[in-house]
Amino acid sequence: MFAPENSTASIAADAPRALLSPLSSRSERTNVHHLGDAAGDWPRTLKRHLDRLAESAFAVRNCGPNTERIHGRCRSPLCLWCGPIEGALTAGALALARPDRHVRISLVGDDWPVIQQRLGRLIPRIRRRGYDWRWAYSIEPNPHSLGAHIHAWQCGSHVPQHVLQMLCEEVGVGQPWIAMRTAPDGAPLGYGMKLATAIREMPLDAAREQLQRFVDLNGGRLIHASRYFWRDRFGNPVTLRRAQQSYWQSLVTQRDRSRR
């Protein structure tokens, strides 16, 4: 059993808080990167900051005790500061995609190369049967056993449970589960990334270990998506980064309207 999507960890569900709050441990506050400009200017200034980081010799990927205060963020999923922020932004980008269904597939494998190979055989099988299948998924380790499962959000055609189960068996993965999305439109969909986002109240060593394990299992990312899955707030196909920016712009717009 697993929790529904509306039980997403608060760090992903409350995106503004996730974007701006530091790690909870006071003694470790120097271990994080700091946004260089006001949050409302994020869409306009982020690219300049990241370009500056890319050209800089001190563009660290993992926050450590002697990390220099720098403008912008490294955006690495392994960074204890940037990883949860990227997860929160991605949860918002998932909401903009307005997926139709929540999918879970069990026992997909033990490591990324095996999982990638199996899913790479599953999706063509689905599409060859005439189904329009676009999705975004994250891989989670099973909490009390070996192996892993995936949580995904799917757009397009409905694939009957028995068909999906047959195709999963053909490629060697476990039991699938598919259901209509119940979260309201606009609600962040970060349940599948909770191991990367819900780390702010954890001891630092435990947080690093959990984040490392999650990112390794996902092949160095927080999420994987089909081509043309991501949308901006107007429904136009975009990249993940543009979808994250569009989500942030919608938050800024909502904030400005609330202040009037």
Protein backbone atom coordinates (compact mmCIF):
# COMPACT_ATOMS: atom_id res chain seq x y z
CA MET A 1 0.00 0.00 0.00
CA PHE A 2 1.09 3.54 -0.55
CA ALA A 3 -0.24 6.99 0.19
CA PRO A 4 -2.20 8.93 -2.45
CA GLU A 5 -0.73 11.91 -4.18
CA ASN A 6 -2.39 14.44 -1.89
CA SER A 7 -0.17 13.18 0.94
CA THR A 8 2.90 14.60 -0.78
CA ALA A 9 5.58 15.68 1.65
CA SER A 10 5.04 19.28 2.71
CA ILE A 11 8.37 20.40 1.29
CA ALA A 12 7.04 19.72 -2.22
CA ALA A 13 3.43 20.68 -1.61
CA ASP A 14 4.34 24.08 -0.16
CA ALA A 15 6.59 25.24 -2.95
CA PRO A 16 7.30 28.84 -1.86
CA ARG A 17 8.46 27.61 1.55
CA ALA A 18 10.57 24.91 -0.10
CA LEU A 19 12.23 27.44 -2.38
CA LEU A 20 13.18 29.93 0.29
CA SER A 21 13.72 28.15 3.62
CA PRO A 22 17.23 27.00 4.63
CA LEU A 23 18.12 23.65 6.12
CA SER A 24 16.68 23.34 9.59
CA SER A 25 19.93 22.75 11.46
CA ARG A 26 21.30 26.09 12.62
CA SER A 27 24.82 24.75 12.83
CA GLU A 28 24.72 23.79 9.14
CA ARG A 29 23.29 26.96 7.63
CA THR A 30 26.63 27.82 6.03
CA ASN A 31 26.35 24.58 4.04
CA VAL A 32 23.76 25.93 1.62
CA HIS A 33 23.73 28.12 -1.45
CA HIS A 34 21.81 31.39 -1.33
CA LEU A 35 19.54 32.86 -3.98
CA GLY A 36 21.19 36.00 -5.19
CA ASP A 37 18.16 38.17 -5.95
CA ALA A 38 14.62 38.64 -4.74
CA ALA A 39 12.44 35.62 -5.36
CA GLY A 40 10.12 37.63 -7.59
CA ASP A 41 12.98 38.24 -10.04
CA TRP A 42 13.83 34.54 -10.34
CA PRO A 43 12.73 33.92 -13.94
CA ARG A 44 14.72 36.88 -15.27
CA THR A 45 17.90 36.47 -13.24
CA LEU A 46 18.38 32.74 -12.87
CA LYS A 47 20.02 32.13 -16.25
CA ARG A 48 22.60 34.86 -15.61
CA HIS A 49 23.39 33.37 -12.22
CA LEU A 50 23.74 29.85 -13.58
CA ASP A 51 25.91 31.03 -16.46
CA ARG A 52 28.12 32.76 -13.93
CA LEU A 53 28.34 29.54 -11.93
CA ALA A 54 29.17 27.43 -14.98
CA GLU A 55 32.13 29.68 -15.80
CA SER A 56 33.33 29.86 -12.22
CA ALA A 57 36.02 27.72 -10.62
CA PHE A 58 34.06 27.55 -7.36
CA ALA A 59 30.83 26.18 -8.84
CA VAL A 60 30.44 23.42 -6.26
CA ARG A 61 28.02 20.55 -6.80
CA ASN A 62 27.63 19.39 -3.21
CA CYS A 63 27.34 21.69 -0.24
CA GLY A 64 30.11 21.20 2.31
CA PRO A 65 31.24 22.89 5.51
CA ASN A 66 33.47 25.37 3.66
CA THR A 67 31.11 26.18 0.79
CA GLU A 68 31.49 29.78 -0.32
CA ARG A 69 28.43 32.04 -0.40
CA ILE A 70 27.64 32.37 -4.07
CA HIS A 71 24.86 33.84 -6.17
CA GLY A 72 22.44 31.49 -7.86
CA ARG A 73 22.20 27.74 -7.33
CA CYS A 74 24.15 24.75 -8.64
CA ARG A 75 20.85 22.89 -9.39
CA SER A 76 22.51 19.55 -8.71
CA PRO A 77 20.01 16.93 -7.52
CA LEU A 78 22.68 15.80 -5.04
CA CYS A 79 22.96 19.21 -3.39
CA LEU A 80 21.21 19.35 -0.01
CA TRP A 81 20.05 22.88 -0.81
CA CYS A 82 19.26 22.64 -4.52
CA GLY A 83 17.94 19.07 -4.63
CA PRO A 84 14.76 19.77 -2.60
CA ILE A 85 14.26 23.05 -4.48
CA GLU A 86 14.48 21.26 -7.82
CA GLY A 87 12.03 18.68 -6.51
CA ALA A 88 9.55 21.35 -5.44
CA LEU A 89 9.79 23.10 -8.81
CA THR A 90 9.38 19.79 -10.62
CA ALA A 91 6.30 18.94 -8.54
CA GLY A 92 4.81 22.22 -9.74
CA ALA A 93 5.83 21.50 -13.33
CA LEU A 94 4.03 18.15 -13.07
CA ALA A 95 0.88 20.02 -12.09
CA LEU A 96 1.14 22.20 -15.21
CA ALA A 97 1.30 19.06 -17.36
CA ARG A 98 -2.16 18.09 -16.02
CA PRO A 99 -1.61 14.34 -16.16
CA ASP A 100 -4.68 12.16 -16.33
CA ARG A 101 -3.51 9.23 -14.23
CA HIS A 102 -1.27 8.13 -11.40
CA VAL A 103 0.70 4.95 -12.14
CA ARG A 104 2.69 2.66 -9.87
CA ILE A 105 4.73 -0.31 -11.07
CA SER A 106 6.40 -2.61 -8.57
CA LEU A 107 9.63 -4.62 -8.73
CA VAL A 108 11.14 -2.76 -11.67
CA GLY A 109 14.73 -3.71 -10.80
CA ASP A 110 17.59 -3.11 -8.42
CA ASP A 111 19.60 -0.43 -10.25
CA TRP A 112 19.23 2.18 -12.98
CA PRO A 113 20.71 0.26 -15.95
CA VAL A 114 18.34 -2.67 -15.40
CA ILE A 115 15.32 -0.42 -14.80
CA GLN A 116 16.12 1.73 -17.83
CA GLN A 117 16.34 -1.36 -20.04
CA ARG A 118 13.05 -2.81 -18.83
CA LEU A 119 11.10 0.42 -19.12
CA GLY A 120 12.70 1.01 -22.51
CA ARG A 121 11.06 -2.22 -23.66
CA LEU A 122 7.73 -1.57 -21.93
CA ILE A 123 6.82 1.78 -23.49
CA PRO A 124 7.23 0.70 -27.16
CA ARG A 125 4.99 -2.30 -26.41
CA ILE A 126 2.30 0.01 -25.07
CA ARG A 127 2.51 2.34 -28.05
CA ARG A 128 2.52 -0.47 -30.61
CA ARG A 129 -0.94 -1.36 -29.35
CA GLY A 130 -2.15 2.08 -30.36
CA TYR A 131 -2.12 3.82 -27.00
CA ASP A 132 -0.91 7.40 -26.63
CA TRP A 133 1.34 7.05 -23.58
CA ARG A 134 3.30 10.03 -22.25
CA TRP A 135 4.54 9.99 -18.70
CA ALA A 136 6.98 11.24 -16.11
CA TYR A 137 8.29 8.87 -13.48
CA SER A 138 10.61 8.61 -10.50
CA ILE A 139 12.06 5.44 -9.01
CA GLU A 140 11.92 4.70 -5.30
CA PRO A 141 13.70 1.93 -3.41
CA ASN A 142 11.38 -0.45 -1.63
CA PRO A 143 11.47 0.52 2.06
CA HIS A 144 11.62 -2.97 3.58
CA SER A 145 12.98 -5.17 0.80
CA LEU A 146 15.32 -5.24 -2.16
CA GLY A 147 14.35 -3.79 -5.49
CA ALA A 148 12.46 -0.66 -6.41
CA HIS A 149 9.15 0.62 -7.73
CA ILE A 150 8.16 3.63 -9.77
CA HIS A 151 5.59 6.37 -9.29
CA ALA A 152 4.50 8.03 -12.50
CA TRP A 153 2.05 10.54 -13.91
CA GLN A 154 0.61 9.64 -17.30
CA CYS A 155 -1.08 11.66 -20.04
CA GLY A 156 -2.94 10.32 -23.05
CA SER A 157 -4.84 7.09 -23.59
CA HIS A 158 -6.18 4.92 -20.82
CA VAL A 159 -4.50 1.52 -20.85
CA PRO A 160 -6.72 -1.12 -19.20
CA GLN A 161 -5.25 -2.69 -16.10
CA HIS A 162 -5.13 -6.19 -17.57
CA VAL A 163 -3.33 -4.98 -20.70
CA LEU A 164 -0.76 -3.04 -18.71
CA GLN A 165 -0.24 -6.02 -16.42
CA MET A 166 0.36 -8.36 -19.35
CA LEU A 167 2.90 -6.01 -20.92
CA CYS A 168 4.68 -5.55 -17.58
CA GLU A 169 5.01 -9.31 -17.25
CA GLU A 170 6.50 -9.51 -20.75
CA VAL A 171 9.39 -7.20 -19.82
CA GLY A 172 9.98 -8.65 -16.35
CA VAL A 173 8.59 -5.99 -14.03
CA GLY A 174 6.04 -6.42 -11.27
CA GLN A 175 2.41 -5.56 -10.68
CA PRO A 176 1.15 -2.28 -12.18
CA TRP A 177 -1.50 -0.05 -10.66
CA ILE A 178 -3.19 2.74 -12.56
CA ALA A 179 -5.92 5.15 -11.48
CA MET A 180 -7.28 8.55 -12.36
CA ARG A 181 -5.53 11.50 -10.75
CA THR A 182 -7.46 12.72 -7.72
CA ALA A 183 -5.40 15.80 -6.86
CA PRO A 184 -7.05 19.06 -7.95
CA ASP A 185 -5.72 21.01 -10.91
CA GLY A 186 -2.74 23.13 -9.92
CA ALA A 187 -1.76 21.01 -6.90
CA PRO A 188 1.96 20.05 -6.95
CA LEU A 189 2.50 16.37 -7.67
CA GLY A 190 5.67 15.50 -5.80
CA TYR A 191 4.82 12.18 -4.17
CA GLY A 192 7.27 10.18 -6.28
CA MET A 193 10.14 12.51 -5.33
CA LYS A 194 9.50 12.60 -1.59
CA LEU A 195 12.81 10.91 -0.76
CA ALA A 196 14.58 13.88 -2.37
CA THR A 197 12.36 16.66 -1.06
CA ALA A 198 11.46 15.58 2.47
CA ILE A 199 14.95 15.81 3.92
CA ARG A 200 14.97 19.18 5.66
CA GLU A 201 14.17 17.83 9.10
CA MET A 202 16.62 14.92 8.85
CA PRO A 203 20.14 14.79 10.29
CA LEU A 204 22.60 15.93 7.63
CA ASP A 205 24.36 12.58 7.21
CA ALA A 206 21.06 10.74 6.86
CA ALA A 207 19.79 13.34 4.40
CA ARG A 208 22.90 12.99 2.24
CA GLU A 209 22.64 9.21 2.25
CA GLN A 210 18.95 9.21 1.32
CA LEU A 211 19.39 11.79 -1.43
CA GLN A 212 22.40 9.95 -2.86
CA ARG A 213 20.53 6.65 -2.93
CA PHE A 214 17.50 8.19 -4.64
CA VAL A 215 19.52 10.04 -7.28
CA ASP A 216 21.71 7.01 -8.01
CA LEU A 217 18.64 4.82 -8.48
CA ASN A 218 17.25 7.42 -10.90
CA GLY A 219 20.38 7.55 -13.02
CA GLY A 220 21.53 10.95 -11.72
CA ARG A 221 18.14 12.69 -11.98
CA LEU A 222 15.04 13.33 -9.92
CA ILE A 223 12.59 12.42 -12.68
CA HIS A 224 12.37 11.07 -16.24
CA ALA A 225 9.77 12.11 -18.79
CA SER A 226 8.56 11.31 -22.28
CA ARG A 227 9.12 13.79 -25.07
CA TYR A 228 6.44 16.50 -25.17
CA PHE A 229 5.25 15.69 -21.66
CA TRP A 230 6.03 19.06 -20.07
CA ARG A 231 3.76 22.09 -20.49
CA ASP A 232 3.89 25.71 -19.43
CA ARG A 233 0.99 27.38 -17.64
CA PHE A 234 -0.63 28.15 -21.00
CA GLY A 235 -0.51 24.53 -22.16
CA ASN A 236 2.36 24.90 -24.64
CA PRO A 237 4.94 22.08 -24.96
CA VAL A 238 8.19 23.11 -23.26
CA THR A 239 11.28 21.67 -21.63
CA LEU A 240 11.30 20.75 -17.95
CA ARG A 241 13.27 23.88 -17.12
CA ARG A 242 10.76 26.12 -18.91
CA ALA A 243 7.92 24.33 -17.12
CA GLN A 244 9.62 24.97 -13.77
CA GLN A 245 10.04 28.64 -14.64
CA SER A 246 6.42 28.88 -15.73
CA TYR A 247 5.29 27.34 -12.45
CA TRP A 248 7.38 29.82 -10.49
CA GLN A 249 5.97 32.70 -12.52
CA SER A 250 2.46 31.53 -11.66
CA LEU A 251 3.39 31.56 -7.96
CA VAL A 252 4.73 35.08 -8.24
CA THR A 253 1.56 36.18 -10.02
CA GLN A 254 -0.61 34.64 -7.30
CA ARG A 255 1.47 36.32 -4.62
CA ASP A 256 1.20 39.73 -6.30
CA ARG A 257 -2.56 39.39 -6.70
CA SER A 258 -2.96 38.47 -3.04
CA ARG A 259 -1.15 41.66 -2.01
CA ARG A 260 -3.48 43.96 -3.89
